[in-house]
Amino acid sequence: MSRSVWKGFYVVRNILKKNTKSQKNFFKIWSRNSVIPSFFLGKTVLVYNGKQFHKVYINREKVGYKFGEFSLTRKNFKKIIVKTKKK
């Protein structure tokens, strides 16, 4: 079920506090389900994927999406086929 329209977007309060207090360009974010607000434009964010932080640069196309969409939690493995020599 989706979030009600009258409630607005879900953003963790810590993200709002960090934006007003600090002058740094990097913010560490553990909340992958919060929406990217518009005042993060042009900033680099470190999003935690459960193991490590990934750098995500916020541009205009990413505003409105969630932080977790840009920090993958699984690795992509390529299938390696070993060819054996015929005798």
C-alpha atoms as a PDB file:
ATOM      1  CA  MET A   1       0.000   0.000   0.000  1.00  0.00           C
ATOM      2  CA  SER A   2       1.373   3.437  -0.870  1.00  0.00           C
ATOM      3  CA  ARG A   3       1.771   6.385   1.452  1.00  0.00           C
ATOM      4  CA  SER A   4      -1.125   8.856   1.801  1.00  0.00           C
ATOM      5  CA  VAL A   5      -0.869  12.038  -0.244  1.00  0.00           C
ATOM      6  CA  TRP A   6      -1.715  14.318   2.661  1.00  0.00           C
ATOM      7  CA  LYS A   7       1.246  12.986   4.682  1.00  0.00           C
ATOM      8  CA  GLY A   8       3.778  13.994   2.061  1.00  0.00           C
ATOM      9  CA  PHE A   9       7.096  12.330   1.276  1.00  0.00           C
ATOM     10  CA  TYR A  10       8.916  10.251   3.876  1.00  0.00           C
ATOM     11  CA  VAL A  11      12.197  11.877   4.916  1.00  0.00           C
ATOM     12  CA  VAL A  12      14.038  11.038   8.125  1.00  0.00           C
ATOM     13  CA  ARG A  13      14.368  13.980  10.512  1.00  0.00           C
ATOM     14  CA  ASN A  14      18.127  13.530  10.833  1.00  0.00           C
ATOM     15  CA  ILE A  15      18.555  14.329   7.135  1.00  0.00           C
ATOM     16  CA  LEU A  16      16.713  17.618   7.569  1.00  0.00           C
ATOM     17  CA  LYS A  17      18.830  18.566  10.598  1.00  0.00           C
ATOM     18  CA  LYS A  18      22.121  17.696   8.903  1.00  0.00           C
ATOM     19  CA  ASN A  19      21.384  19.918   5.936  1.00  0.00           C
ATOM     20  CA  THR A  20      20.955  23.048   8.036  1.00  0.00           C
ATOM     21  CA  LYS A  21      23.879  22.490  10.426  1.00  0.00           C
ATOM     22  CA  SER A  22      26.796  21.236   8.363  1.00  0.00           C
ATOM     23  CA  GLN A  23      28.667  22.825   5.480  1.00  0.00           C
ATOM     24  CA  LYS A  24      30.250  19.577   4.261  1.00  0.00           C
ATOM     25  CA  ASN A  25      29.475  18.095   0.888  1.00  0.00           C
ATOM     26  CA  PHE A  26      29.076  14.500   2.191  1.00  0.00           C
ATOM     27  CA  PHE A  27      26.180  13.197   4.263  1.00  0.00           C
ATOM     28  CA  LYS A  28      25.980   9.645   5.612  1.00  0.00           C
ATOM     29  CA  ILE A  29      22.506   8.225   5.199  1.00  0.00           C
ATOM     30  CA  TRP A  30      21.353   4.916   6.662  1.00  0.00           C
ATOM     31  CA  SER A  31      17.704   5.332   5.683  1.00  0.00           C
ATOM     32  CA  ARG A  32      17.380   3.821   2.210  1.00  0.00           C
ATOM     33  CA  ASN A  33      13.597   4.211   2.149  1.00  0.00           C
ATOM     34  CA  SER A  34      13.492   7.994   2.550  1.00  0.00           C
ATOM     35  CA  VAL A  35      12.859  10.173  -0.497  1.00  0.00           C
ATOM     36  CA  ILE A  36      15.578  12.418  -1.936  1.00  0.00           C
ATOM     37  CA  PRO A  37      14.565  16.044  -1.223  1.00  0.00           C
ATOM     38  CA  SER A  38      15.265  18.877  -3.654  1.00  0.00           C
ATOM     39  CA  PHE A  39      17.768  20.704  -1.415  1.00  0.00           C
ATOM     40  CA  PHE A  40      20.303  17.892  -1.973  1.00  0.00           C
ATOM     41  CA  LEU A  41      20.853  18.970  -5.590  1.00  0.00           C
ATOM     42  CA  GLY A  42      24.534  19.060  -6.498  1.00  0.00           C
ATOM     43  CA  LYS A  43      25.660  17.246  -3.344  1.00  0.00           C
ATOM     44  CA  THR A  44      27.281  13.864  -2.888  1.00  0.00           C
ATOM     45  CA  VAL A  45      25.624  11.518  -0.406  1.00  0.00           C
ATOM     46  CA  LEU A  46      27.007   8.358   1.179  1.00  0.00           C
ATOM     47  CA  VAL A  47      24.224   5.731   1.255  1.00  0.00           C
ATOM     48  CA  TYR A  48      24.650   2.639   3.445  1.00  0.00           C
ATOM     49  CA  ASN A  49      23.748  -0.643   1.755  1.00  0.00           C
ATOM     50  CA  GLY A  50      24.144  -2.900   4.789  1.00  0.00           C
ATOM     51  CA  LYS A  51      27.886  -3.443   4.420  1.00  0.00           C
ATOM     52  CA  GLN A  52      29.509  -0.267   3.146  1.00  0.00           C
ATOM     53  CA  PHE A  53      28.734   3.265   2.011  1.00  0.00           C
ATOM     54  CA  HIS A  54      28.276   4.088  -1.689  1.00  0.00           C
ATOM     55  CA  LYS A  55      28.788   7.574  -3.084  1.00  0.00           C
ATOM     56  CA  VAL A  56      25.726   8.884  -4.876  1.00  0.00           C
ATOM     57  CA  TYR A  57      25.776  12.241  -6.655  1.00  0.00           C
ATOM     58  CA  ILE A  58      22.343  13.876  -6.585  1.00  0.00           C
ATOM     59  CA  ASN A  59      21.223  15.537  -9.804  1.00  0.00           C
ATOM     60  CA  ARG A  60      17.834  16.799 -10.926  1.00  0.00           C
ATOM     61  CA  GLU A  61      16.655  13.450 -12.301  1.00  0.00           C
ATOM     62  CA  LYS A  62      17.149  11.676  -8.950  1.00  0.00           C
ATOM     63  CA  VAL A  63      14.990  14.039  -6.861  1.00  0.00           C
ATOM     64  CA  GLY A  64      11.776  12.286  -5.794  1.00  0.00           C
ATOM     65  CA  TYR A  65      13.253   8.788  -5.908  1.00  0.00           C
ATOM     66  CA  LYS A  66      14.474   6.880  -2.863  1.00  0.00           C
ATOM     67  CA  PHE A  67      18.090   6.697  -1.711  1.00  0.00           C
ATOM     68  CA  GLY A  68      18.101   2.895  -1.826  1.00  0.00           C
ATOM     69  CA  GLU A  69      17.485   2.782  -5.556  1.00  0.00           C
ATOM     70  CA  PHE A  70      20.976   4.078  -6.269  1.00  0.00           C
ATOM     71  CA  SER A  71      22.917   1.934  -3.798  1.00  0.00           C
ATOM     72  CA  LEU A  72      22.758  -1.735  -4.773  1.00  0.00           C
ATOM     73  CA  THR A  73      22.997  -4.406  -2.097  1.00  0.00           C
ATOM     74  CA  ARG A  74      23.870  -7.383  -4.291  1.00  0.00           C
ATOM     75  CA  LYS A  75      26.822  -8.048  -6.545  1.00  0.00           C
ATOM     76  CA  ASN A  76      26.396  -9.047 -10.162  1.00  0.00           C
ATOM     77  CA  PHE A  77      28.337 -12.213 -10.849  1.00  0.00           C
ATOM     78  CA  LYS A  78      29.174 -13.291 -14.360  1.00  0.00           C
ATOM     79  CA  LYS A  79      28.787 -16.946 -15.119  1.00  0.00           C
ATOM     80  CA  ILE A  80      32.161 -18.416 -16.008  1.00  0.00           C
ATOM     81  CA  ILE A  81      32.135 -21.486 -18.239  1.00  0.00           C
ATOM     82  CA  VAL A  82      35.266 -23.609 -18.097  1.00  0.00           C
ATOM     83  CA  LYS A  83      35.985 -25.408 -21.361  1.00  0.00           C
ATOM     84  CA  THR A  84      37.701 -28.734 -21.077  1.00  0.00           C
ATOM     85  CA  LYS A  85      39.986 -30.085 -23.792  1.00  0.00           C
ATOM     86  CA  LYS A  86      38.768 -33.151 -25.667  1.00  0.00           C
ATOM     87  CA  LYS A  87      41.141 -36.083 -25.922  1.00  0.00           C
END
